[in-house]
Amino acid sequence: MAGGMVRHEENVVLEDARLTYLNFRGEGGMYNRDGDRNFSVILEHDKAVELEAAGWNIKWRAPREEGDDPTPILSVSVNYSNRPPRIVMITSKRRNHLPEDIVDQLDYVDIEMADLVIRPYDWGPINGKSGRKAYLRTLFITIYEDPIELKYAEMMKRPLAIEADEVLDAEVIDDSWEIQQIGQ
């Protein structure tokens, strides 16, 4: 491959993962180039040590309080150019496949649970450096829905029932209608 890049199929499956630093819209900022979609996964310590030994680029976030251990984090890229990821958002009503043009919705949801598969991509040597980058292959995200949302979601599922004695005797006078545009 070009530039000495080698692709591996040593996919990593992470279930009930904790996601942070969501940037599915690819917004540029201090730590991100404009257009680069990504997020980070907070790893269990043992899994982080295992992945780091296999060449993955694990970052260790400093402890928030004295006596705590550093938090291992893996940054995952979301790239649609070569091999688009499969991203599915799950709610109480349905499973929704999220294509590239609406995947940025995930930046605004409360995640209850996330299961994902990441694939490694070994790059280099370029200017004497090499590494292993994580790319998203599959992501299933279950969205947290508050009790009020769930109450009204159930209401929308029930068919509207009209009893026979509730029907009024009526006559259609004019069945034509027109759409009026406000402000015109």
Protein backbone atom coordinates (compact mmCIF):
# COMPACT_ATOMS: atom_id res chain seq x y z
CA MET A 1 0.00 0.00 0.00
CA ALA A 2 1.01 3.60 -0.49
CA GLY A 3 3.31 5.14 2.09
CA GLY A 4 4.08 1.81 3.74
CA MET A 5 0.62 1.60 5.31
CA VAL A 6 -0.55 -1.85 6.34
CA ARG A 7 -4.15 -2.67 7.21
CA HIS A 8 -4.98 -5.23 9.91
CA GLU A 9 -8.22 -7.04 10.56
CA GLU A 10 -7.64 -7.40 14.30
CA ASN A 11 -10.98 -5.82 15.14
CA VAL A 12 -11.76 -4.99 18.76
CA VAL A 13 -15.27 -5.44 20.16
CA LEU A 14 -16.26 -3.21 23.07
CA GLU A 15 -19.64 -3.82 24.69
CA ASP A 16 -21.41 -1.47 27.08
CA ALA A 17 -18.70 1.08 26.34
CA ARG A 18 -18.57 4.59 27.75
CA LEU A 19 -18.17 7.21 25.01
CA THR A 20 -16.90 10.73 25.52
CA TYR A 21 -15.76 13.73 23.48
CA LEU A 22 -18.39 13.07 20.81
CA ASN A 23 -17.70 14.89 17.54
CA PHE A 24 -19.79 13.14 14.89
CA ARG A 25 -20.33 16.45 13.06
CA GLY A 26 -16.57 16.90 12.55
CA GLU A 27 -16.36 20.34 14.09
CA GLY A 28 -12.88 21.82 14.13
CA GLY A 29 -11.36 23.01 17.37
CA MET A 30 -8.26 23.01 19.53
CA TYR A 31 -7.88 19.22 19.35
CA ASN A 32 -9.58 18.47 16.04
CA ARG A 33 -9.22 19.45 12.39
CA ASP A 34 -12.38 20.69 10.71
CA GLY A 35 -14.19 17.75 9.08
CA ASP A 36 -12.58 15.00 11.21
CA ARG A 37 -15.39 13.03 12.86
CA ASN A 38 -14.40 11.15 16.00
CA PHE A 39 -15.12 10.26 19.60
CA SER A 40 -13.26 8.65 22.48
CA VAL A 41 -13.90 5.45 24.42
CA ILE A 42 -13.12 5.21 28.11
CA LEU A 43 -11.51 1.81 28.60
CA GLU A 44 -11.21 -0.57 31.52
CA HIS A 45 -7.63 -0.60 32.83
CA ASP A 46 -6.87 -4.22 31.82
CA LYS A 47 -8.26 -3.73 28.31
CA ALA A 48 -6.23 -0.53 27.90
CA VAL A 49 -3.00 -2.27 28.90
CA GLU A 50 -3.76 -5.12 26.46
CA LEU A 51 -4.49 -2.73 23.57
CA GLU A 52 -1.47 -0.55 24.34
CA ALA A 53 0.77 -3.64 24.23
CA ALA A 54 -0.71 -4.43 20.79
CA GLY A 55 0.29 -1.00 19.51
CA TRP A 56 -2.94 0.98 19.95
CA ASN A 57 -2.55 4.68 20.81
CA ILE A 58 -4.00 4.78 24.34
CA LYS A 59 -4.01 8.13 26.16
CA TRP A 60 -3.98 8.17 29.95
CA ARG A 61 -6.03 11.11 31.30
CA ALA A 62 -4.73 12.48 34.60
CA PRO A 63 -6.78 11.57 37.69
CA ARG A 64 -9.41 14.09 38.73
CA GLU A 65 -8.83 13.53 42.43
CA GLU A 66 -5.75 12.58 44.41
CA GLY A 67 -5.47 8.82 44.86
CA ASP A 68 -7.48 7.98 41.71
CA ASP A 69 -5.92 6.06 38.84
CA PRO A 70 -5.37 7.65 35.41
CA THR A 71 -8.27 7.05 32.98
CA PRO A 72 -7.37 5.21 29.75
CA ILE A 73 -8.96 6.64 26.60
CA LEU A 74 -8.87 5.52 22.97
CA SER A 75 -9.71 8.03 20.24
CA VAL A 76 -11.78 6.50 17.41
CA SER A 77 -12.08 8.07 13.93
CA VAL A 78 -15.36 7.97 12.01
CA ASN A 79 -14.49 7.95 8.32
CA TYR A 80 -16.87 7.54 5.38
CA SER A 81 -14.38 7.76 2.51
CA ASN A 82 -13.13 4.16 2.21
CA ARG A 83 -15.25 1.85 4.26
CA PRO A 84 -18.30 3.58 5.78
CA PRO A 85 -19.17 2.49 9.32
CA ARG A 86 -22.53 1.01 10.24
CA ILE A 87 -24.09 3.24 12.90
CA VAL A 88 -27.45 2.38 14.45
CA MET A 89 -29.38 4.44 17.00
CA ILE A 90 -31.79 2.43 19.14
CA THR A 91 -34.83 3.89 20.92
CA SER A 92 -37.87 2.28 22.51
CA LYS A 93 -39.69 2.65 19.20
CA ARG A 94 -37.17 1.43 16.64
CA ARG A 95 -33.66 0.93 15.33
CA ASN A 96 -32.50 3.70 13.01
CA HIS A 97 -29.54 3.36 10.68
CA LEU A 98 -27.74 6.72 10.64
CA PRO A 99 -26.15 7.62 7.31
CA GLU A 100 -23.37 10.18 7.03
CA ASP A 101 -25.65 13.17 6.47
CA ILE A 102 -27.47 12.78 9.83
CA VAL A 103 -24.92 11.03 12.05
CA ASP A 104 -24.22 14.35 13.77
CA GLN A 105 -27.46 13.77 15.76
CA LEU A 106 -25.39 11.60 18.09
CA ASP A 107 -23.59 14.68 19.40
CA TYR A 108 -26.84 15.76 21.10
CA VAL A 109 -28.24 12.56 22.63
CA ASP A 110 -27.91 10.99 26.05
CA ILE A 111 -26.33 7.59 25.58
CA GLU A 112 -27.59 4.77 27.77
CA MET A 113 -25.39 2.09 26.23
CA ALA A 114 -22.96 1.72 23.34
CA ASP A 115 -21.59 -1.41 21.66
CA LEU A 116 -18.95 -0.99 19.00
CA VAL A 117 -16.39 -2.65 16.79
CA ILE A 118 -13.22 -0.77 15.94
CA ARG A 119 -10.69 -1.74 13.33
CA PRO A 120 -7.00 -0.91 13.48
CA TYR A 121 -5.03 0.72 10.72
CA ASP A 122 -1.26 0.59 10.99
CA TRP A 123 0.46 3.50 9.29
CA GLY A 124 4.05 4.41 8.62
CA PRO A 125 6.84 4.69 8.65
CA ILE A 126 6.35 8.30 7.62
CA ASN A 127 9.17 10.65 8.59
CA GLY A 128 10.44 7.91 10.90
CA LYS A 129 7.13 7.57 12.75
CA SER A 130 4.49 4.87 12.70
CA GLY A 131 1.41 3.99 14.70
CA ARG A 132 -1.96 2.29 14.90
CA LYS A 133 -5.12 4.33 14.42
CA ALA A 134 -8.61 3.22 15.49
CA TYR A 135 -11.45 3.47 12.96
CA LEU A 136 -15.11 2.83 13.69
CA ARG A 137 -16.53 -0.21 11.93
CA THR A 138 -19.85 -0.72 13.77
CA LEU A 139 -21.67 1.24 16.48
CA PHE A 140 -25.00 0.47 18.12
CA ILE A 141 -26.12 3.21 20.51
CA THR A 142 -29.10 2.86 22.81
CA ILE A 143 -30.53 6.29 23.62
CA TYR A 144 -31.67 7.23 27.10
CA GLU A 145 -35.31 8.28 27.01
CA ASP A 146 -36.84 10.03 30.00
CA PRO A 147 -40.14 8.79 31.49
CA ILE A 148 -42.20 11.53 29.83
CA GLU A 149 -40.84 10.63 26.38
CA LEU A 150 -41.67 6.97 27.01
CA LYS A 151 -45.18 7.81 28.23
CA TYR A 152 -46.03 9.69 25.06
CA ALA A 153 -44.22 7.22 22.80
CA GLU A 154 -46.64 4.53 24.05
CA MET A 155 -49.57 6.86 23.41
CA MET A 156 -48.50 7.30 19.78
CA LYS A 157 -48.49 3.53 19.26
CA ARG A 158 -52.15 3.11 20.24
CA PRO A 159 -54.71 3.45 17.44
CA LEU A 160 -57.36 6.12 17.75
CA ALA A 161 -60.59 4.41 18.74
CA ILE A 162 -63.99 5.94 17.95
CA GLU A 163 -67.06 4.31 19.32
CA ALA A 164 -70.09 3.93 17.03
CA ASP A 165 -72.30 6.07 19.27
CA GLU A 166 -69.76 8.93 19.14
CA VAL A 167 -70.17 9.48 15.37
CA LEU A 168 -72.23 12.53 14.56
CA ASP A 169 -74.66 12.73 11.67
CA ALA A 170 -73.06 15.23 9.30
CA GLU A 171 -73.11 16.44 5.72
CA VAL A 172 -70.15 17.58 3.61
CA ILE A 173 -70.91 21.06 2.32
CA ASP A 174 -67.63 21.89 0.54
CA ASP A 175 -64.83 19.37 -0.02
CA SER A 176 -62.45 21.83 -1.68
CA TRP A 177 -59.55 23.32 0.23
CA GLU A 178 -56.58 25.50 -0.42
CA ILE A 179 -53.24 26.13 1.24
CA GLN A 180 -52.62 29.66 2.35
CA GLN A 181 -49.10 30.88 2.85
CA ILE A 182 -48.64 33.11 5.84
CA GLY A 183 -47.04 36.46 5.12
CA GLN A 184 -47.75 36.38 1.36
